[in-house]
């Protein structure tokens, strides 16, 4: 069972008990839980749900493990007209998340939108 989640502009493949490195979230200390609500795809035990644009009634909860820094990135800038060359090294601040819960809240007894369209089951 896995899901593809849009988290701060990045698409991440998440699975239960997997540890991820994500961009820093201000105000979230180690031990707090984060709920991800933009789920683009959910692969369950039997079915795959693809969002249009997001999948509803699916919940992904992760726990913040720690804050830290990722490996350094070298940024190189060169301007054509001037003879300016800049080298800059930056550290990206990240958080490590451990996924706790990945589940679909929809039961099999729920009717699909096609069954409820105009009050009957047309075209199936």
C-alpha atoms as a PDB file:
ATOM      1  CA  UNK A   1       0.000   0.000   0.000  1.00  0.00           C
ATOM      2  CA  UNK A   2       1.435   3.381  -1.002  1.00  0.00           C
ATOM      3  CA  UNK A   3       0.385   6.899  -1.967  1.00  0.00           C
ATOM      4  CA  UNK A   4       1.811   9.791  -3.950  1.00  0.00           C
ATOM      5  CA  UNK A   5       1.508  13.025  -1.983  1.00  0.00           C
ATOM      6  CA  UNK A   6       2.058  16.661  -2.963  1.00  0.00           C
ATOM      7  CA  UNK A   7       4.035  18.106  -0.034  1.00  0.00           C
ATOM      8  CA  UNK A   8       5.261  21.721  -0.269  1.00  0.00           C
ATOM      9  CA  UNK A   9       5.364  21.572  -4.071  1.00  0.00           C
ATOM     10  CA  UNK A  10       7.178  18.225  -4.281  1.00  0.00           C
ATOM     11  CA  UNK A  11       5.618  14.889  -5.147  1.00  0.00           C
ATOM     12  CA  UNK A  12       6.643  12.128  -2.764  1.00  0.00           C
ATOM     13  CA  UNK A  13       5.934   8.402  -2.800  1.00  0.00           C
ATOM     14  CA  UNK A  14       5.002   7.454   0.747  1.00  0.00           C
ATOM     15  CA  UNK A  15       4.633   4.052   2.397  1.00  0.00           C
ATOM     16  CA  UNK A  16       3.915   3.079   5.992  1.00  0.00           C
ATOM     17  CA  UNK A  17       6.947   3.068   8.345  1.00  0.00           C
ATOM     18  CA  UNK A  18       9.167   4.760   5.736  1.00  0.00           C
ATOM     19  CA  UNK A  19      11.425   7.678   6.734  1.00  0.00           C
ATOM     20  CA  UNK A  20      11.446  10.690   4.378  1.00  0.00           C
ATOM     21  CA  UNK A  21      13.558  13.833   4.136  1.00  0.00           C
ATOM     22  CA  UNK A  22      11.308  16.811   3.421  1.00  0.00           C
ATOM     23  CA  UNK A  23      11.763  20.602   3.344  1.00  0.00           C
ATOM     24  CA  UNK A  24      11.647  22.347   6.724  1.00  0.00           C
ATOM     25  CA  UNK A  25       8.284  23.195   8.295  1.00  0.00           C
ATOM     26  CA  UNK A  26       8.415  26.088  10.728  1.00  0.00           C
ATOM     27  CA  UNK A  27       6.755  25.504  14.085  1.00  0.00           C
ATOM     28  CA  UNK A  28       6.804  21.698  13.952  1.00  0.00           C
ATOM     29  CA  UNK A  29       8.950  20.233  16.699  1.00  0.00           C
ATOM     30  CA  UNK A  30      10.184  16.655  16.943  1.00  0.00           C
ATOM     31  CA  UNK A  31       7.424  14.305  18.054  1.00  0.00           C
ATOM     32  CA  UNK A  32       4.510  16.266  16.528  1.00  0.00           C
ATOM     33  CA  UNK A  33       2.232  14.772  13.895  1.00  0.00           C
ATOM     34  CA  UNK A  34       1.597  16.193  10.429  1.00  0.00           C
ATOM     35  CA  UNK A  35      -1.444  15.364   8.306  1.00  0.00           C
ATOM     36  CA  UNK A  36      -0.909  15.425   4.548  1.00  0.00           C
ATOM     37  CA  UNK A  37      -4.089  16.267   2.677  1.00  0.00           C
ATOM     38  CA  UNK A  38      -3.021  16.572  -0.973  1.00  0.00           C
ATOM     39  CA  UNK A  39      -2.978  12.928  -2.049  1.00  0.00           C
ATOM     40  CA  UNK A  40      -2.632  12.530  -5.819  1.00  0.00           C
ATOM     41  CA  UNK A  41      -2.728   8.716  -6.035  1.00  0.00           C
ATOM     42  CA  UNK A  42      -3.571   5.955  -3.567  1.00  0.00           C
ATOM     43  CA  UNK A  43      -2.713   2.291  -4.175  1.00  0.00           C
ATOM     44  CA  UNK A  44      -4.594   0.108  -1.716  1.00  0.00           C
ATOM     45  CA  UNK A  45      -4.643  -3.654  -1.299  1.00  0.00           C
ATOM     46  CA  UNK A  46      -7.167  -4.159  -4.101  1.00  0.00           C
ATOM     47  CA  UNK A  47      -7.773  -0.873  -5.930  1.00  0.00           C
ATOM     48  CA  UNK A  48      -5.926   2.172  -7.198  1.00  0.00           C
ATOM     49  CA  UNK A  49      -7.522   5.593  -6.752  1.00  0.00           C
ATOM     50  CA  UNK A  50      -6.339   8.448  -8.959  1.00  0.00           C
ATOM     51  CA  UNK A  51      -7.268  11.966  -7.883  1.00  0.00           C
ATOM     52  CA  UNK A  52      -8.883  14.604 -10.047  1.00  0.00           C
ATOM     53  CA  UNK A  53      -6.861  16.585  -8.831  1.00  0.00           C
ATOM     54  CA  UNK A  54      -6.724  15.005  -5.335  1.00  0.00           C
ATOM     55  CA  UNK A  55      -8.093  11.804  -3.791  1.00  0.00           C
ATOM     56  CA  UNK A  56     -10.734  12.421  -1.154  1.00  0.00           C
ATOM     57  CA  UNK A  57     -11.236  10.390   2.032  1.00  0.00           C
ATOM     58  CA  UNK A  58      -7.623   9.202   2.216  1.00  0.00           C
ATOM     59  CA  UNK A  59      -5.462  10.134   5.181  1.00  0.00           C
ATOM     60  CA  UNK A  60      -1.678  10.205   5.523  1.00  0.00           C
ATOM     61  CA  UNK A  61      -0.258  11.032   8.968  1.00  0.00           C
ATOM     62  CA  UNK A  62       3.468  11.400   9.627  1.00  0.00           C
ATOM     63  CA  UNK A  63       5.515  12.077  12.756  1.00  0.00           C
ATOM     64  CA  UNK A  64       8.430  14.540  12.807  1.00  0.00           C
ATOM     65  CA  UNK A  65      11.545  12.659  13.902  1.00  0.00           C
ATOM     66  CA  UNK A  66      14.234  15.343  13.797  1.00  0.00           C
ATOM     67  CA  UNK A  67      15.478  18.537  12.197  1.00  0.00           C
ATOM     68  CA  UNK A  68      18.784  18.680  10.385  1.00  0.00           C
ATOM     69  CA  UNK A  69      20.776  19.784   7.384  1.00  0.00           C
ATOM     70  CA  UNK A  70      21.047  18.029   4.061  1.00  0.00           C
ATOM     71  CA  UNK A  71      24.221  17.752   2.007  1.00  0.00           C
ATOM     72  CA  UNK A  72      25.688  20.990   0.661  1.00  0.00           C
ATOM     73  CA  UNK A  73      24.743  22.345  -2.733  1.00  0.00           C
ATOM     74  CA  UNK A  74      27.199  24.345  -4.832  1.00  0.00           C
ATOM     75  CA  UNK A  75      25.554  27.218  -6.690  1.00  0.00           C
ATOM     76  CA  UNK A  76      27.579  28.617  -9.607  1.00  0.00           C
ATOM     77  CA  UNK A  77      26.613  31.912 -11.263  1.00  0.00           C
ATOM     78  CA  UNK A  78      28.188  33.447 -14.342  1.00  0.00           C
ATOM     79  CA  UNK A  79      27.121  36.612 -16.143  1.00  0.00           C
ATOM     80  CA  UNK A  80      28.031  37.000 -19.797  1.00  0.00           C
ATOM     81  CA  UNK A  81      28.582  40.753 -20.104  1.00  0.00           C
ATOM     82  CA  UNK A  82      30.502  41.203 -16.898  1.00  0.00           C
ATOM     83  CA  UNK A  83      33.300  39.091 -15.625  1.00  0.00           C
ATOM     84  CA  UNK A  84      31.586  38.054 -12.405  1.00  0.00           C
ATOM     85  CA  UNK A  85      31.843  34.524 -11.155  1.00  0.00           C
ATOM     86  CA  UNK A  86      30.196  33.630  -7.860  1.00  0.00           C
ATOM     87  CA  UNK A  87      30.535  30.381  -6.024  1.00  0.00           C
ATOM     88  CA  UNK A  88      28.175  29.875  -3.139  1.00  0.00           C
ATOM     89  CA  UNK A  89      27.652  26.845  -0.931  1.00  0.00           C
ATOM     90  CA  UNK A  90      24.337  26.433   0.866  1.00  0.00           C
ATOM     91  CA  UNK A  91      22.970  23.947   3.387  1.00  0.00           C
ATOM     92  CA  UNK A  92      19.361  22.927   2.957  1.00  0.00           C
ATOM     93  CA  UNK A  93      17.440  22.681   6.205  1.00  0.00           C
ATOM     94  CA  UNK A  94      15.315  19.536   6.265  1.00  0.00           C
ATOM     95  CA  UNK A  95      13.086  17.477   8.520  1.00  0.00           C
ATOM     96  CA  UNK A  96      12.878  13.709   8.754  1.00  0.00           C
ATOM     97  CA  UNK A  97       9.354  12.297   8.842  1.00  0.00           C
ATOM     98  CA  UNK A  98       8.232   8.750   9.676  1.00  0.00           C
ATOM     99  CA  UNK A  99       4.889   7.769   8.191  1.00  0.00           C
ATOM    100  CA  UNK A 100       2.527   6.295  10.749  1.00  0.00           C
ATOM    101  CA  UNK A 101      -0.895   5.921   9.125  1.00  0.00           C
ATOM    102  CA  UNK A 102      -1.825   5.450   5.485  1.00  0.00           C
ATOM    103  CA  UNK A 103      -5.456   4.480   5.031  1.00  0.00           C
ATOM    104  CA  UNK A 104      -8.580   5.042   3.011  1.00  0.00           C
ATOM    105  CA  UNK A 105     -11.699   6.072   4.918  1.00  0.00           C
ATOM    106  CA  UNK A 106     -14.124   5.050   2.178  1.00  0.00           C
ATOM    107  CA  UNK A 107     -16.021   1.816   2.737  1.00  0.00           C
ATOM    108  CA  UNK A 108     -17.094  -0.584  -0.018  1.00  0.00           C
ATOM    109  CA  UNK A 109     -20.768   0.063   0.762  1.00  0.00           C
ATOM    110  CA  UNK A 110     -20.490   3.707  -0.413  1.00  0.00           C
ATOM    111  CA  UNK A 111     -22.082   4.321  -3.784  1.00  0.00           C
ATOM    112  CA  UNK A 112     -20.061   5.851  -6.559  1.00  0.00           C
ATOM    113  CA  UNK A 113     -20.901   9.214  -8.130  1.00  0.00           C
ATOM    114  CA  UNK A 114     -22.073   7.436 -11.285  1.00  0.00           C
ATOM    115  CA  UNK A 115     -24.750   5.546  -9.330  1.00  0.00           C
ATOM    116  CA  UNK A 116     -26.099   8.773  -7.823  1.00  0.00           C
ATOM    117  CA  UNK A 117     -26.136  10.762 -11.081  1.00  0.00           C
ATOM    118  CA  UNK A 118     -29.728  11.911 -11.736  1.00  0.00           C
ATOM    119  CA  UNK A 119     -31.005   9.547  -9.065  1.00  0.00           C
ATOM    120  CA  UNK A 120     -30.392   6.275 -10.931  1.00  0.00           C
ATOM    121  CA  UNK A 121     -27.844   3.973 -12.446  1.00  0.00           C
ATOM    122  CA  UNK A 122     -27.714   5.113 -16.074  1.00  0.00           C
ATOM    123  CA  UNK A 123     -25.280   4.005 -18.737  1.00  0.00           C
ATOM    124  CA  UNK A 124     -23.661   1.093 -16.952  1.00  0.00           C
END
